[in-house]
Amino acid sequence: MLETIVAGVPVIAYPQWTDQPTNAKLIADIFRTGLRLRENQDGIVSNEEVEKCIREIMDGPKSVELKSNARELWIAAREAVAVAGSSDQNIQLFVDEIIKSCTWFNCEGIVQ
């Protein structure tokens, strides 16, 4: 999911296990950057369902919204990893905390 956000593209989710159902929910219902494949009553995703989702993302009624939302997250991700972005600041806070803790534990040779 992170890769699609960083790439700024809509995605079709087909969750199978562990965190994937949560990610599919985020993609389809919260971030609104993609669609979720639906299984039929036999638990199978049909070719028609796959085609429907691809067409919807490419040029269907929801495509403009999905692409716009994906672009907004792409911009936010780029800002987060830029110099002085939130990721940059948070990693510095993390390093500062380690150095502070290491000094407190008297970790000679680690803190230069």
Protein backbone atom coordinates (compact mmCIF):
# COMPACT_ATOMS: atom_id res chain seq x y z
CA MET A 1 0.00 0.00 0.00
CA LEU A 2 2.82 2.38 0.83
CA GLU A 3 4.33 1.88 -2.61
CA THR A 4 1.09 2.89 -4.34
CA ILE A 5 0.85 6.02 -2.17
CA VAL A 6 4.42 6.99 -2.98
CA ALA A 7 3.79 6.30 -6.68
CA GLY A 8 0.58 8.37 -6.60
CA VAL A 9 -1.50 5.80 -8.44
CA PRO A 10 -4.92 4.28 -7.73
CA VAL A 11 -4.92 0.60 -6.83
CA ILE A 12 -7.21 -2.40 -6.94
CA ALA A 13 -7.15 -4.26 -3.64
CA TYR A 14 -7.67 -7.99 -3.27
CA PRO A 15 -6.99 -8.78 0.38
CA GLN A 16 -6.14 -12.32 1.40
CA TRP A 17 -4.87 -12.31 5.01
CA THR A 18 -3.39 -10.45 8.02
CA ASP A 19 -3.24 -6.68 7.41
CA GLN A 20 -4.56 -6.81 3.84
CA PRO A 21 -8.29 -6.46 4.71
CA THR A 22 -7.47 -3.38 6.78
CA ASN A 23 -5.37 -1.94 3.97
CA ALA A 24 -8.15 -2.65 1.45
CA LYS A 25 -10.61 -0.83 3.71
CA LEU A 26 -8.26 2.16 3.93
CA ILE A 27 -7.70 2.18 0.16
CA ALA A 28 -11.34 1.88 -0.84
CA ASP A 29 -13.28 3.58 1.94
CA ILE A 30 -11.00 5.95 3.85
CA PHE A 31 -8.34 7.28 1.46
CA ARG A 32 -10.56 6.60 -1.55
CA THR A 33 -7.54 5.89 -3.76
CA GLY A 34 -8.71 2.58 -5.16
CA LEU A 35 -11.28 -0.15 -5.39
CA ARG A 36 -11.69 -3.52 -3.75
CA LEU A 37 -12.32 -6.64 -5.78
CA ARG A 38 -15.47 -8.48 -4.71
CA GLU A 39 -15.76 -12.24 -4.73
CA ASN A 40 -18.91 -13.90 -6.01
CA GLN A 41 -21.01 -16.25 -3.88
CA ASP A 42 -18.54 -19.08 -4.65
CA GLY A 43 -15.63 -17.07 -3.23
CA ILE A 44 -14.14 -16.42 -6.66
CA VAL A 45 -13.26 -13.10 -8.26
CA SER A 46 -14.55 -13.22 -11.80
CA ASN A 47 -12.76 -11.89 -14.86
CA GLU A 48 -15.68 -9.50 -15.24
CA GLU A 49 -15.09 -8.09 -11.73
CA VAL A 50 -11.41 -7.51 -12.49
CA GLU A 51 -12.28 -5.86 -15.80
CA LYS A 52 -14.94 -3.71 -14.14
CA CYS A 53 -12.47 -2.41 -11.54
CA ILE A 54 -9.79 -1.70 -14.14
CA ARG A 55 -12.24 0.20 -16.34
CA GLU A 56 -13.56 2.16 -13.34
CA ILE A 57 -10.07 3.24 -12.31
CA MET A 58 -8.97 4.06 -15.86
CA ASP A 59 -11.95 6.09 -17.07
CA GLY A 60 -15.07 5.33 -15.05
CA PRO A 61 -17.18 7.82 -13.07
CA LYS A 62 -14.94 7.42 -9.98
CA SER A 63 -11.64 7.64 -11.86
CA VAL A 64 -11.18 11.40 -11.48
CA GLU A 65 -11.78 11.22 -7.72
CA LEU A 66 -9.53 8.17 -7.26
CA LYS A 67 -6.70 9.72 -9.27
CA SER A 68 -7.07 13.06 -7.48
CA ASN A 69 -6.99 11.42 -4.05
CA ALA A 70 -3.96 9.33 -5.05
CA ARG A 71 -2.20 12.50 -6.20
CA GLU A 72 -2.97 14.29 -2.91
CA LEU A 73 -1.43 11.42 -0.93
CA TRP A 74 1.54 11.39 -3.32
CA ILE A 75 2.13 15.08 -2.59
CA ALA A 76 1.82 14.51 1.16
CA ALA A 77 4.28 11.60 0.98
CA ARG A 78 6.82 13.70 -0.95
CA GLU A 79 6.49 16.53 1.57
CA ALA A 80 6.94 14.09 4.46
CA VAL A 81 10.27 12.75 3.17
CA ALA A 82 11.64 16.11 2.01
CA VAL A 83 14.28 17.95 4.01
CA ALA A 84 12.54 19.34 7.12
CA GLY A 85 9.46 17.21 6.33
CA SER A 86 7.70 15.25 9.05
CA SER A 87 9.68 12.05 8.38
CA ASP A 88 12.95 13.99 8.41
CA GLN A 89 12.01 15.65 11.69
CA ASN A 90 10.80 12.41 13.28
CA ILE A 91 13.94 10.48 12.38
CA GLN A 92 16.02 13.28 13.88
CA LEU A 93 13.93 13.16 17.08
CA PHE A 94 14.46 9.39 17.17
CA VAL A 95 18.24 9.72 16.74
CA ASP A 96 18.37 12.48 19.37
CA GLU A 97 16.45 10.23 21.80
CA ILE A 98 18.86 7.34 21.21
CA ILE A 99 21.85 9.61 21.77
CA LYS A 100 20.24 10.99 24.94
CA SER A 101 19.51 7.47 26.21
CA CYS A 102 22.94 6.23 25.27
CA THR A 103 24.56 9.11 27.14
CA TRP A 104 22.34 8.33 30.13
CA PHE A 105 23.47 4.69 30.03
CA ASN A 106 27.08 5.82 29.57
CA CYS A 107 27.55 4.13 26.20
CA GLU A 108 31.15 5.09 25.61
CA GLY A 109 32.34 4.81 22.04
CA ILE A 110 28.83 4.98 20.55
CA VAL A 111 28.28 8.71 20.90
CA GLN A 112 31.05 10.57 19.17
